């Protein structure tokens, strides 16, 4: 085993860990928002699941990066593979984590006001862009 193989695994594992954290944060807030709706005898908006599911896409980006690293591992320097996997997975995971935090705020705001869903999705999209840039630019250097 060379050090590059650790980077291949790290790309996926760190991205998935960030997704799990982000989904957990947004999920906890969504459950609280639904509870508030039920306590006030208001309908609980199903659309809040969009905020909860948004961080999952970073797991997919981590898997794409992992596959690209695996394909490049036979010809690229193991240090490059290790670095790209570690830093790429970490960056993608952080994007997912903070996307979940933004989704939590969106869930709370939407149930409080009933307005702004599109605006909240734009914020999630901006956070998502960070993960996409990381994935695409790292794939470009391989």
N, C-alpha and C. Protein backbone atom coordinates (compact mmCIF):
# COMPACT_ATOMS: atom_id res chain seq x y z
N UNK A 1 0.84 -1.18 0.00
CA UNK A 1 0.00 0.00 0.00
C UNK A 1 0.88 1.24 0.00
N UNK A 2 0.52 2.21 -0.79
CA UNK A 2 1.23 3.47 -0.76
C UNK A 2 0.34 4.55 -0.12
N UNK A 3 0.94 5.67 0.18
CA UNK A 3 0.22 6.76 0.85
C UNK A 3 -0.92 7.30 0.00
N UNK A 4 -0.79 7.20 -1.30
CA UNK A 4 -1.85 7.68 -2.19
C UNK A 4 -3.17 6.97 -1.97
N UNK A 5 -3.10 5.69 -1.62
CA UNK A 5 -4.33 4.95 -1.39
C UNK A 5 -5.11 5.50 -0.20
N UNK A 6 -4.41 6.02 0.78
CA UNK A 6 -5.10 6.65 1.90
C UNK A 6 -5.85 7.90 1.44
N UNK A 7 -5.26 8.62 0.52
CA UNK A 7 -5.92 9.81 -0.03
C UNK A 7 -7.18 9.45 -0.81
N UNK A 8 -7.13 8.32 -1.50
CA UNK A 8 -8.30 7.87 -2.26
C UNK A 8 -9.47 7.62 -1.30
N UNK A 9 -9.18 6.93 -0.21
CA UNK A 9 -10.22 6.64 0.77
C UNK A 9 -10.67 7.92 1.49
N UNK A 10 -9.72 8.80 1.77
CA UNK A 10 -10.05 10.03 2.51
C UNK A 10 -10.99 10.93 1.72
N UNK A 11 -10.84 10.96 0.40
CA UNK A 11 -11.70 11.82 -0.41
C UNK A 11 -13.17 11.49 -0.17
N UNK A 12 -13.47 10.23 -0.18
CA UNK A 12 -14.87 9.80 0.02
C UNK A 12 -15.28 9.90 1.49
N UNK A 13 -14.42 9.40 2.37
CA UNK A 13 -14.79 9.33 3.80
C UNK A 13 -15.00 10.71 4.40
N UNK A 14 -14.13 11.65 4.12
CA UNK A 14 -14.27 12.98 4.69
C UNK A 14 -15.47 13.73 4.11
N UNK A 15 -15.70 13.55 2.81
CA UNK A 15 -16.89 14.17 2.20
C UNK A 15 -18.17 13.59 2.81
N UNK A 16 -18.20 12.27 2.98
CA UNK A 16 -19.38 11.61 3.55
C UNK A 16 -19.58 12.00 5.01
N UNK A 17 -18.49 12.14 5.75
CA UNK A 17 -18.61 12.56 7.15
C UNK A 17 -19.22 13.97 7.24
N UNK A 18 -18.77 14.86 6.38
CA UNK A 18 -19.35 16.20 6.35
C UNK A 18 -20.82 16.17 5.99
N UNK A 19 -21.18 15.31 5.04
CA UNK A 19 -22.59 15.17 4.67
C UNK A 19 -23.42 14.69 5.85
N UNK A 20 -22.90 13.70 6.56
CA UNK A 20 -23.64 13.18 7.72
C UNK A 20 -23.84 14.26 8.77
N UNK A 21 -22.81 15.05 9.04
CA UNK A 21 -22.94 16.13 10.01
C UNK A 21 -23.95 17.17 9.54
N UNK A 22 -23.83 17.58 8.27
CA UNK A 22 -24.75 18.58 7.72
C UNK A 22 -26.19 18.11 7.72
N UNK A 23 -26.40 16.87 7.32
CA UNK A 23 -27.76 16.31 7.31
C UNK A 23 -28.29 16.25 8.75
N UNK A 24 -27.43 15.86 9.68
CA UNK A 24 -27.86 15.81 11.08
C UNK A 24 -28.26 17.16 11.62
N UNK A 25 -27.48 18.19 11.33
CA UNK A 25 -27.78 19.53 11.81
C UNK A 25 -29.10 20.03 11.21
N UNK A 26 -29.22 19.92 9.88
CA UNK A 26 -30.46 20.38 9.23
C UNK A 26 -31.65 19.54 9.68
N UNK A 27 -31.42 18.24 9.88
CA UNK A 27 -32.50 17.36 10.32
C UNK A 27 -33.00 17.71 11.71
N UNK A 28 -32.08 17.99 12.62
CA UNK A 28 -32.50 18.36 13.97
C UNK A 28 -33.31 19.65 13.97
N UNK A 29 -32.88 20.61 13.18
CA UNK A 29 -33.62 21.87 13.11
C UNK A 29 -34.98 21.67 12.46
N UNK A 30 -35.04 20.84 11.45
CA UNK A 30 -36.31 20.58 10.78
C UNK A 30 -37.28 19.88 11.71
N UNK A 31 -36.81 18.93 12.48
CA UNK A 31 -37.68 18.27 13.45
C UNK A 31 -38.22 19.28 14.45
N UNK A 32 -37.36 20.18 14.92
CA UNK A 32 -37.81 21.23 15.83
C UNK A 32 -38.81 22.17 15.19
N UNK A 33 -38.59 22.49 13.93
CA UNK A 33 -39.53 23.37 13.23
C UNK A 33 -40.88 22.69 13.05
N UNK A 34 -40.86 21.40 12.71
CA UNK A 34 -42.12 20.67 12.58
C UNK A 34 -42.84 20.59 13.92
N UNK A 35 -42.08 20.36 14.99
CA UNK A 35 -42.68 20.30 16.33
C UNK A 35 -43.39 21.61 16.65
N UNK A 36 -42.73 22.73 16.32
CA UNK A 36 -43.34 24.03 16.56
C UNK A 36 -44.63 24.19 15.76
N UNK A 37 -44.62 23.70 14.53
CA UNK A 37 -45.84 23.75 13.71
C UNK A 37 -46.96 22.93 14.34
N UNK A 38 -46.63 21.72 14.76
CA UNK A 38 -47.64 20.85 15.37
C UNK A 38 -48.19 21.47 16.65
N UNK A 39 -47.32 22.07 17.46
CA UNK A 39 -47.74 22.68 18.72
C UNK A 39 -48.68 23.86 18.48
N UNK A 40 -48.53 24.53 17.33
CA UNK A 40 -49.37 25.68 16.99
C UNK A 40 -50.54 25.28 16.08
N UNK A 41 -50.74 23.98 15.90
CA UNK A 41 -51.79 23.46 15.01
C UNK A 41 -51.70 24.02 13.60
N UNK A 42 -50.47 24.18 13.11
CA UNK A 42 -50.22 24.61 11.73
C UNK A 42 -49.74 23.40 10.94
N UNK A 43 -49.93 23.42 9.63
CA UNK A 43 -49.37 22.32 8.83
C UNK A 43 -47.84 22.37 8.83
N UNK A 44 -47.23 21.21 8.92
CA UNK A 44 -45.77 21.11 8.91
C UNK A 44 -45.31 20.98 7.46
N UNK A 45 -44.54 21.96 6.95
CA UNK A 45 -44.15 21.93 5.54
C UNK A 45 -43.21 20.78 5.20
N UNK A 46 -43.65 19.93 4.30
CA UNK A 46 -42.84 18.80 3.84
C UNK A 46 -41.61 19.28 3.08
N UNK A 47 -41.69 20.46 2.49
CA UNK A 47 -40.62 21.01 1.66
C UNK A 47 -39.32 21.22 2.45
N UNK A 48 -39.42 21.20 3.79
CA UNK A 48 -38.22 21.36 4.61
C UNK A 48 -37.20 20.23 4.37
N UNK A 49 -37.68 19.12 3.85
CA UNK A 49 -36.75 18.02 3.54
C UNK A 49 -35.71 18.42 2.49
N UNK A 50 -36.00 19.44 1.71
CA UNK A 50 -35.00 19.94 0.75
C UNK A 50 -33.78 20.47 1.49
N UNK A 51 -33.99 21.11 2.64
CA UNK A 51 -32.88 21.61 3.44
C UNK A 51 -32.09 20.47 4.06
N UNK A 52 -32.79 19.42 4.47
CA UNK A 52 -32.15 18.28 5.11
C UNK A 52 -31.33 17.49 4.09
N UNK A 53 -31.85 17.27 2.91
CA UNK A 53 -31.19 16.44 1.91
C UNK A 53 -30.07 17.12 1.15
N UNK A 54 -30.01 18.45 1.19
CA UNK A 54 -29.02 19.17 0.39
C UNK A 54 -27.58 18.73 0.66
N UNK A 55 -27.15 18.53 1.90
CA UNK A 55 -25.74 18.15 2.12
C UNK A 55 -25.37 16.77 1.60
N UNK A 56 -26.32 15.97 1.22
CA UNK A 56 -26.00 14.63 0.73
C UNK A 56 -25.22 14.66 -0.58
N UNK A 57 -25.43 15.67 -1.38
CA UNK A 57 -24.76 15.72 -2.68
C UNK A 57 -23.24 15.73 -2.55
N UNK A 58 -22.73 16.26 -1.45
CA UNK A 58 -21.29 16.29 -1.28
C UNK A 58 -20.71 14.89 -1.12
N UNK A 59 -21.50 13.94 -0.64
CA UNK A 59 -21.05 12.55 -0.62
C UNK A 59 -20.80 12.07 -2.05
N UNK A 60 -21.68 12.45 -2.94
CA UNK A 60 -21.54 12.07 -4.35
C UNK A 60 -20.28 12.71 -4.94
N UNK A 61 -20.04 13.98 -4.60
CA UNK A 61 -18.83 14.65 -5.11
C UNK A 61 -17.58 13.96 -4.57
N UNK A 62 -17.61 13.55 -3.33
CA UNK A 62 -16.48 12.81 -2.75
C UNK A 62 -16.25 11.49 -3.47
N UNK A 63 -17.34 10.83 -3.85
CA UNK A 63 -17.22 9.57 -4.58
C UNK A 63 -16.65 9.80 -5.98
N UNK A 64 -17.09 10.86 -6.63
CA UNK A 64 -16.55 11.18 -7.96
C UNK A 64 -15.06 11.49 -7.86
N UNK A 65 -14.68 12.29 -6.86
CA UNK A 65 -13.26 12.61 -6.68
C UNK A 65 -12.47 11.35 -6.36
N UNK A 66 -13.02 10.49 -5.51
CA UNK A 66 -12.36 9.23 -5.17
C UNK A 66 -12.10 8.40 -6.43
N UNK A 67 -13.09 8.28 -7.28
CA UNK A 67 -12.93 7.50 -8.51
C UNK A 67 -11.89 8.12 -9.43
N UNK A 68 -11.86 9.44 -9.50
CA UNK A 68 -10.86 10.11 -10.32
C UNK A 68 -9.45 9.90 -9.76
N UNK A 69 -9.34 9.96 -8.44
CA UNK A 69 -8.05 9.71 -7.80
C UNK A 69 -7.59 8.27 -8.04
N UNK A 70 -8.52 7.34 -7.95
CA UNK A 70 -8.19 5.94 -8.20
C UNK A 70 -7.70 5.74 -9.63
N UNK A 71 -8.36 6.39 -10.58
CA UNK A 71 -7.94 6.27 -11.99
C UNK A 71 -6.56 6.88 -12.21
N UNK A 72 -6.26 7.96 -11.49
CA UNK A 72 -4.98 8.64 -11.68
C UNK A 72 -3.86 8.02 -10.86
N UNK A 73 -4.18 7.14 -9.92
CA UNK A 73 -3.18 6.64 -8.98
C UNK A 73 -2.08 5.81 -9.62
N UNK A 74 -2.34 5.25 -10.78
CA UNK A 74 -1.30 4.43 -11.42
C UNK A 74 -0.20 5.28 -12.04
N UNK A 75 -0.51 6.52 -12.37
CA UNK A 75 0.50 7.35 -13.03
C UNK A 75 0.88 8.60 -12.24
N UNK A 76 0.05 9.03 -11.29
CA UNK A 76 0.34 10.26 -10.55
C UNK A 76 1.18 9.95 -9.32
N UNK A 77 1.85 10.97 -8.84
CA UNK A 77 2.66 10.86 -7.63
C UNK A 77 1.76 10.52 -6.43
N UNK A 78 2.15 9.55 -5.60
CA UNK A 78 1.33 9.20 -4.44
C UNK A 78 1.09 10.37 -3.48
N UNK A 79 2.05 11.28 -3.38
CA UNK A 79 1.87 12.47 -2.54
C UNK A 79 0.76 13.37 -3.05
N UNK A 80 0.69 13.49 -4.38
CA UNK A 80 -0.38 14.28 -4.98
C UNK A 80 -1.74 13.63 -4.70
N UNK A 81 -1.81 12.33 -4.85
CA UNK A 81 -3.07 11.61 -4.60
C UNK A 81 -3.46 11.75 -3.12
N UNK A 82 -2.50 11.61 -2.23
CA UNK A 82 -2.78 11.75 -0.80
C UNK A 82 -3.27 13.16 -0.48
N UNK A 83 -2.55 14.15 -0.96
CA UNK A 83 -2.93 15.54 -0.69
C UNK A 83 -4.28 15.91 -1.28
N UNK A 84 -4.50 15.51 -2.52
CA UNK A 84 -5.78 15.83 -3.17
C UNK A 84 -6.93 15.15 -2.44
N UNK A 85 -6.71 13.92 -2.01
CA UNK A 85 -7.77 13.20 -1.30
C UNK A 85 -8.07 13.78 0.06
N UNK A 86 -7.02 14.06 0.81
CA UNK A 86 -7.21 14.62 2.16
C UNK A 86 -7.82 16.01 2.12
N UNK A 87 -7.18 16.90 1.37
CA UNK A 87 -7.66 18.28 1.35
C UNK A 87 -8.97 18.42 0.58
N UNK A 88 -9.11 17.65 -0.49
CA UNK A 88 -10.37 17.69 -1.24
C UNK A 88 -11.53 17.14 -0.42
N UNK A 89 -11.32 16.00 0.22
CA UNK A 89 -12.37 15.42 1.05
C UNK A 89 -12.74 16.33 2.21
N UNK A 90 -11.72 16.95 2.81
CA UNK A 90 -11.96 17.87 3.92
C UNK A 90 -12.77 19.08 3.46
N UNK A 91 -12.37 19.68 2.35
CA UNK A 91 -13.07 20.85 1.84
C UNK A 91 -14.51 20.54 1.45
N UNK A 92 -14.70 19.43 0.78
CA UNK A 92 -16.05 19.02 0.38
C UNK A 92 -16.89 18.72 1.63
N UNK A 93 -16.29 18.07 2.61
CA UNK A 93 -17.00 17.78 3.86
C UNK A 93 -17.39 19.04 4.61
N UNK A 94 -16.50 20.03 4.64
CA UNK A 94 -16.83 21.29 5.30
C UNK A 94 -17.97 22.00 4.58
N UNK A 95 -17.98 21.92 3.27
CA UNK A 95 -19.09 22.50 2.51
C UNK A 95 -20.41 21.86 2.92
N UNK A 96 -20.41 20.55 3.06
CA UNK A 96 -21.63 19.85 3.47
C UNK A 96 -22.05 20.24 4.88
N UNK A 97 -21.08 20.33 5.77
CA UNK A 97 -21.35 20.69 7.16
C UNK A 97 -22.04 22.05 7.23
N UNK A 98 -21.47 23.04 6.55
CA UNK A 98 -22.03 24.39 6.62
C UNK A 98 -23.29 24.53 5.77
N UNK A 99 -23.44 23.70 4.78
CA UNK A 99 -24.70 23.69 4.05
C UNK A 99 -25.82 23.20 4.97
N UNK A 100 -25.52 22.22 5.79
CA UNK A 100 -26.50 21.75 6.77
C UNK A 100 -26.85 22.83 7.78
N UNK A 101 -25.85 23.60 8.22
CA UNK A 101 -26.12 24.70 9.15
C UNK A 101 -26.98 25.76 8.50
N UNK A 102 -26.70 26.08 7.24
CA UNK A 102 -27.53 27.06 6.52
C UNK A 102 -28.93 26.50 6.30
N UNK A 103 -29.03 25.20 6.01
CA UNK A 103 -30.34 24.56 5.86
C UNK A 103 -31.14 24.59 7.14
N UNK A 104 -30.45 24.44 8.28
CA UNK A 104 -31.13 24.52 9.57
C UNK A 104 -31.74 25.90 9.77
N UNK A 105 -30.97 26.93 9.43
CA UNK A 105 -31.49 28.30 9.54
C UNK A 105 -32.66 28.52 8.58
N UNK A 106 -32.55 27.95 7.38
CA UNK A 106 -33.63 28.07 6.41
C UNK A 106 -34.91 27.40 6.88
N UNK A 107 -34.77 26.22 7.49
CA UNK A 107 -35.95 25.51 8.01
C UNK A 107 -36.63 26.32 9.09
N UNK A 108 -35.84 26.89 9.97
CA UNK A 108 -36.40 27.72 11.04
C UNK A 108 -37.08 28.96 10.47
N UNK A 109 -36.41 29.63 9.56
CA UNK A 109 -36.97 30.86 8.98
C UNK A 109 -38.24 30.59 8.19
N UNK A 110 -38.24 29.51 7.41
CA UNK A 110 -39.42 29.22 6.59
C UNK A 110 -40.64 28.89 7.44
N UNK A 111 -40.45 28.14 8.50
CA UNK A 111 -41.61 27.81 9.34
C UNK A 111 -42.06 29.00 10.18
N UNK A 112 -41.15 29.93 10.45
CA UNK A 112 -41.53 31.12 11.21
C UNK A 112 -42.29 32.12 10.37
N UNK A 113 -41.88 32.25 9.09
CA UNK A 113 -42.46 33.29 8.25
C UNK A 113 -43.33 32.76 7.12
N UNK A 114 -43.07 31.53 6.70
CA UNK A 114 -43.78 30.99 5.54
C UNK A 114 -43.29 31.59 4.22
N UNK A 115 -42.21 32.32 4.27
CA UNK A 115 -41.70 33.02 3.08
C UNK A 115 -40.21 32.79 2.92
N UNK A 116 -39.73 33.01 1.70
CA UNK A 116 -38.30 33.04 1.42
C UNK A 116 -37.66 31.75 0.98
N UNK A 117 -38.45 30.73 0.65
CA UNK A 117 -37.88 29.43 0.30
C UNK A 117 -36.83 29.55 -0.80
N UNK A 118 -37.13 30.28 -1.86
CA UNK A 118 -36.17 30.42 -2.98
C UNK A 118 -34.89 31.10 -2.52
N UNK A 119 -35.01 32.11 -1.68
CA UNK A 119 -33.82 32.80 -1.18
C UNK A 119 -32.94 31.85 -0.37
N UNK A 120 -33.57 31.02 0.45
CA UNK A 120 -32.81 30.08 1.27
C UNK A 120 -32.11 29.04 0.39
N UNK A 121 -32.78 28.62 -0.67
CA UNK A 121 -32.14 27.66 -1.58
C UNK A 121 -30.94 28.27 -2.30
N UNK A 122 -31.00 29.54 -2.58
CA UNK A 122 -29.86 30.21 -3.22
C UNK A 122 -28.64 30.14 -2.31
N UNK A 123 -28.85 30.36 -1.02
CA UNK A 123 -27.74 30.28 -0.07
C UNK A 123 -27.15 28.86 -0.07
N UNK A 124 -28.04 27.86 -0.05
CA UNK A 124 -27.55 26.47 -0.09
C UNK A 124 -26.77 26.21 -1.37
N UNK A 125 -27.23 26.78 -2.47
CA UNK A 125 -26.52 26.61 -3.74
C UNK A 125 -25.15 27.25 -3.73
N UNK A 126 -25.02 28.40 -3.09
CA UNK A 126 -23.71 29.04 -2.99
C UNK A 126 -22.74 28.20 -2.17
N UNK A 127 -23.22 27.64 -1.07
CA UNK A 127 -22.35 26.78 -0.26
C UNK A 127 -21.98 25.53 -1.05
N UNK A 128 -22.92 25.00 -1.79
CA UNK A 128 -22.68 23.82 -2.63
C UNK A 128 -21.61 24.10 -3.68
N UNK A 129 -21.58 25.32 -4.18
CA UNK A 129 -20.61 25.69 -5.22
C UNK A 129 -19.17 25.48 -4.76
N UNK A 130 -18.92 25.68 -3.49
CA UNK A 130 -17.57 25.48 -2.96
C UNK A 130 -17.14 24.02 -3.18
N UNK A 131 -18.02 23.09 -2.86
CA UNK A 131 -17.70 21.67 -3.05
C UNK A 131 -17.48 21.35 -4.53
N UNK A 132 -18.30 21.91 -5.38
CA UNK A 132 -18.14 21.67 -6.82
C UNK A 132 -16.81 22.21 -7.33
N UNK A 133 -16.44 23.41 -6.89
CA UNK A 133 -15.16 23.98 -7.31
C UNK A 133 -14.00 23.11 -6.84
N UNK A 134 -14.06 22.65 -5.60
CA UNK A 134 -12.99 21.80 -5.07
C UNK A 134 -12.87 20.54 -5.93
N UNK A 135 -13.98 19.89 -6.17
CA UNK A 135 -13.96 18.64 -6.94
C UNK A 135 -13.42 18.87 -8.36
N UNK A 136 -13.94 19.86 -9.04
CA UNK A 136 -13.57 20.10 -10.44
C UNK A 136 -12.11 20.53 -10.56
N UNK A 137 -11.67 21.44 -9.70
CA UNK A 137 -10.29 21.91 -9.83
C UNK A 137 -9.29 20.83 -9.45
N UNK A 138 -9.60 20.01 -8.45
CA UNK A 138 -8.69 18.92 -8.12
C UNK A 138 -8.66 17.88 -9.23
N UNK A 139 -9.80 17.61 -9.83
CA UNK A 139 -9.79 16.67 -10.95
C UNK A 139 -8.98 17.22 -12.11
N UNK A 140 -8.95 18.55 -12.24
CA UNK A 140 -8.19 19.17 -13.31
C UNK A 140 -6.69 19.04 -13.15
N UNK A 141 -6.21 18.96 -11.90
CA UNK A 141 -4.76 18.85 -11.71
C UNK A 141 -4.28 17.40 -11.81
N UNK A 142 -5.22 16.47 -11.82
CA UNK A 142 -4.82 15.06 -11.93
C UNK A 142 -4.61 14.78 -13.39
